[in-house]
Protein backbone atom coordinates (compact mmCIF):
# COMPACT_ATOMS: atom_id res chain seq x y z
CA MET A 1 -0.14 0.28 -0.08
CA LYS A 2 0.77 3.81 -0.89
CA ARG A 3 1.03 6.13 1.81
CA ILE A 4 0.33 9.64 0.82
CA VAL A 5 0.48 12.49 3.54
CA ILE A 6 -1.53 15.89 3.19
CA LEU A 7 0.54 18.40 4.88
CA ALA A 8 -2.09 21.47 5.41
CA ALA A 9 -2.72 24.38 7.82
CA ASP A 10 -5.88 26.40 9.02
CA ASN A 11 -7.15 28.06 6.02
CA ALA A 12 -6.34 25.56 3.29
CA VAL A 13 -8.45 24.93 0.45
CA ALA A 14 -11.03 21.91 1.31
CA GLY A 15 -11.72 21.03 -2.10
CA GLY A 16 -7.87 20.45 -2.97
CA ILE A 17 -7.38 18.33 -0.18
CA ILE A 18 -10.85 16.57 -0.72
CA SER A 19 -10.36 16.35 -4.48
CA PHE A 20 -6.77 14.26 -3.57
CA MET A 21 -8.30 12.07 -1.02
CA ASP A 22 -11.29 11.50 -3.56
CA VAL A 23 -8.92 10.36 -6.25
CA PHE A 24 -7.16 7.96 -4.07
CA SER A 25 -10.25 6.94 -2.98
CA PHE A 26 -11.66 5.73 -6.34
CA CYS A 27 -8.64 4.12 -7.20
CA ASN A 28 -8.65 1.85 -3.93
CA THR A 29 -12.64 0.92 -5.68
CA TYR A 30 -11.64 0.82 -8.89
CA TRP A 31 -8.73 -1.81 -8.27
CA LYS A 32 -10.98 -3.82 -5.78
CA VAL A 33 -13.37 -4.20 -8.56
CA THR A 34 -11.16 -5.04 -11.20
CA GLN A 35 -8.79 -6.98 -9.44
CA ALA A 36 -10.64 -10.46 -7.98
CA ASN A 37 -8.32 -11.38 -5.28
CA ALA A 38 -7.29 -7.39 -4.38
CA GLU A 39 -6.98 -7.87 -0.52
CA GLU A 40 -6.09 -4.22 0.39
CA ASP A 41 -6.37 -0.89 -0.74
CA LEU A 42 -3.31 0.59 -2.98
CA PHE A 43 -3.80 3.90 -1.28
CA GLU A 44 -4.21 5.39 2.30
CA CYS A 45 -4.69 9.68 2.21
CA LYS A 46 -4.24 11.20 5.36
CA ILE A 47 -4.13 15.01 6.47
CA ILE A 48 -1.42 15.68 9.13
CA SER A 49 -1.90 19.28 10.66
CA PRO A 50 1.24 21.42 12.34
CA ASN A 51 -0.35 20.66 15.91
CA GLY A 52 -2.78 17.46 15.29
CA GLU A 53 -6.07 19.60 15.79
CA PRO A 54 -8.49 19.25 12.53
CA ILE A 55 -8.18 21.87 9.75
CA SER A 56 -10.53 24.88 9.40
CA SER A 57 -10.54 25.24 6.02
CA ASP A 58 -11.42 28.54 4.02
CA TYR A 59 -14.44 27.49 3.76
CA GLY A 60 -14.41 27.08 7.22
CA LEU A 61 -15.16 23.12 7.45
CA SER A 62 -13.51 20.66 9.66
CA LEU A 63 -11.04 18.66 8.19
CA PRO A 64 -9.99 15.21 10.60
CA VAL A 65 -6.51 14.94 10.64
CA LEU A 66 -3.86 12.04 11.45
CA ALA A 67 -3.60 11.93 15.58
CA HIS A 68 -0.54 14.31 16.43
CA ALA A 69 0.98 11.39 18.18
CA ASP A 70 0.73 9.25 15.17
CA ALA A 71 1.80 11.74 12.86
CA GLU A 72 5.32 11.19 12.87
CA HIS A 73 5.13 7.52 12.35
CA TYR A 74 2.89 7.96 10.01
CA LEU A 75 5.30 10.57 7.98
CA SER A 76 8.61 8.14 8.17
CA HIS A 77 6.79 5.19 6.14
CA ALA A 78 5.07 7.73 3.52
CA ASP A 79 5.58 7.11 -0.06
CA ALA A 80 4.75 10.63 -0.63
CA VAL A 81 4.01 14.20 0.66
CA VAL A 82 1.56 16.99 -0.83
CA VAL A 83 1.40 20.48 0.22
CA ALA A 84 -2.07 22.04 1.07
CA ALA A 85 -3.16 24.95 -0.99
CA SER A 86 -4.49 27.96 0.83
CA THR A 87 -6.66 30.95 -0.75
CA ILE A 88 -3.83 33.23 -1.56
CA THR A 89 -4.31 36.16 -3.98
CA ASN A 90 -1.46 38.48 -2.22
CA ARG A 91 1.53 38.76 -0.42
CA GLN A 92 -0.33 39.18 3.25
CA GLN A 93 -2.36 36.09 2.61
CA LEU A 94 0.74 34.16 1.70
CA ASP A 95 3.21 35.39 4.84
CA SER A 96 -0.45 34.27 6.83
CA TYR A 97 -0.69 30.96 5.71
CA LEU A 98 2.83 30.58 5.63
CA LYS A 99 3.27 31.59 9.54
CA ALA A 100 0.18 28.95 9.94
CA PHE A 101 2.31 25.89 8.15
CA SER A 102 5.74 27.12 9.41
CA PRO A 103 5.69 24.18 12.31
CA HIS A 104 5.80 21.32 8.84
CA MET A 105 8.21 23.05 7.44
CA PRO A 106 11.38 20.93 9.72
CA THR A 107 9.14 17.71 9.22
CA LEU A 108 9.00 18.87 4.78
CA HIS A 109 12.78 19.13 4.91
CA GLN A 110 13.26 15.76 6.90
CA PHE A 111 11.26 14.01 4.54
CA ALA A 112 12.73 16.15 1.63
CA LYS A 113 15.86 13.51 2.28
CA THR A 114 14.30 10.47 1.83
CA GLY A 115 14.43 11.28 -2.12
CA ARG A 116 10.83 10.37 -2.11
CA PRO A 117 7.99 12.50 -4.08
CA ILE A 118 6.73 15.67 -2.68
CA ALA A 119 4.52 17.48 -4.70
CA ALA A 120 2.51 20.94 -4.55
CA TYR A 121 -0.75 22.69 -6.37
CA CYS A 122 -1.70 25.69 -6.77
CA ALA A 123 -0.85 28.49 -4.24
CA GLY A 124 1.12 25.31 -2.40
CA THR A 125 3.74 25.51 -4.66
CA LEU A 126 4.30 28.72 -3.32
CA VAL A 127 4.80 27.56 0.20
CA LEU A 128 7.02 24.45 -1.52
CA ALA A 129 9.43 27.50 -2.62
CA ALA A 130 9.31 29.00 0.76
CA SER A 131 11.10 26.37 2.31
CA GLY A 132 14.09 26.75 -0.41
CA LEU A 133 13.34 23.18 -1.61
CA LEU A 134 12.60 24.37 -5.04
CA ASP A 135 15.97 26.64 -4.76
CA GLY A 136 17.58 25.95 -8.04
CA ARG A 137 14.78 23.68 -9.55
CA SER A 138 12.13 24.67 -11.81
CA ALA A 139 8.69 25.15 -10.92
CA THR A 140 5.10 25.89 -12.15
CA CYS A 141 2.26 28.17 -10.03
CA VAL A 142 -0.91 29.18 -10.68
CA TRP A 143 -1.33 31.90 -12.90
CA TRP A 144 -2.31 34.55 -10.73
CA LEU A 145 0.52 34.45 -8.34
CA ALA A 146 3.41 34.13 -11.02
CA GLU A 147 4.30 37.66 -10.35
CA LEU A 148 4.68 37.06 -6.51
CA PHE A 149 6.29 33.97 -6.90
CA LYS A 150 9.18 35.24 -9.29
CA ARG A 151 9.45 38.37 -6.65
CA LYS A 152 9.25 36.24 -3.89
CA PHE A 153 11.40 33.23 -5.10
CA PRO A 154 14.33 34.36 -7.54
CA LYS A 155 16.05 30.94 -7.07
CA VAL A 156 13.22 28.99 -8.16
CA ASN A 157 13.26 28.67 -12.19
CA LEU A 158 9.44 29.26 -12.73
CA CYS A 159 8.01 27.88 -15.99
CA MET A 160 4.93 29.23 -16.63
CA ASP A 161 4.28 27.38 -19.90
CA HIS A 162 3.80 24.04 -17.91
CA LEU A 163 0.95 22.86 -16.15
CA VAL A 164 2.48 20.02 -14.33
CA MET A 165 6.08 20.12 -13.41
CA ASN A 166 8.85 17.57 -12.61
CA ASP A 167 12.16 18.60 -11.07
CA GLY A 168 13.73 15.46 -9.11
CA GLN A 169 11.57 14.51 -6.20
CA MET A 170 9.28 17.78 -6.66
CA TYR A 171 6.58 18.17 -8.54
CA THR A 172 4.61 21.46 -8.82
CA ALA A 173 1.31 22.00 -10.98
CA GLY A 174 -0.84 25.40 -11.58
CA ALA A 175 -3.54 26.35 -13.49
């Protein structure tokens, strides 16, 4: 089974998180329908918050997370990490989400040492860039944040002509 961890903080976009979880859940269902001998799921997807408390999404929805005591162990066995996006349209909103997300930064750096995939989408690409893990790499982001991305993260080669970008273990997606 592949374990996917979504790192998120308050004000994360619920639709982005739930969409990932729905895709993996559908894959599990399809796998079991098409493989008569399948006994276990292909994917397990969990959300980890900075403090073990449920995430309060940008829309005010409460998203359940892995218990804080279990998060470190689960993360150490994860096959991939996804950095959740927040509603960000300007630098102030970015700085606010970065502050909420900041307890995840050491975790993200530790996971990067494993060489396993790290992905970010939409405004989450700016959070990944803020970690420094995209320095010297190519990445993409959502179109309305391209100028902010270029100004704030000049060490990242921003490629706006790609919807999805892969550079080593890092995967970024824009719109």
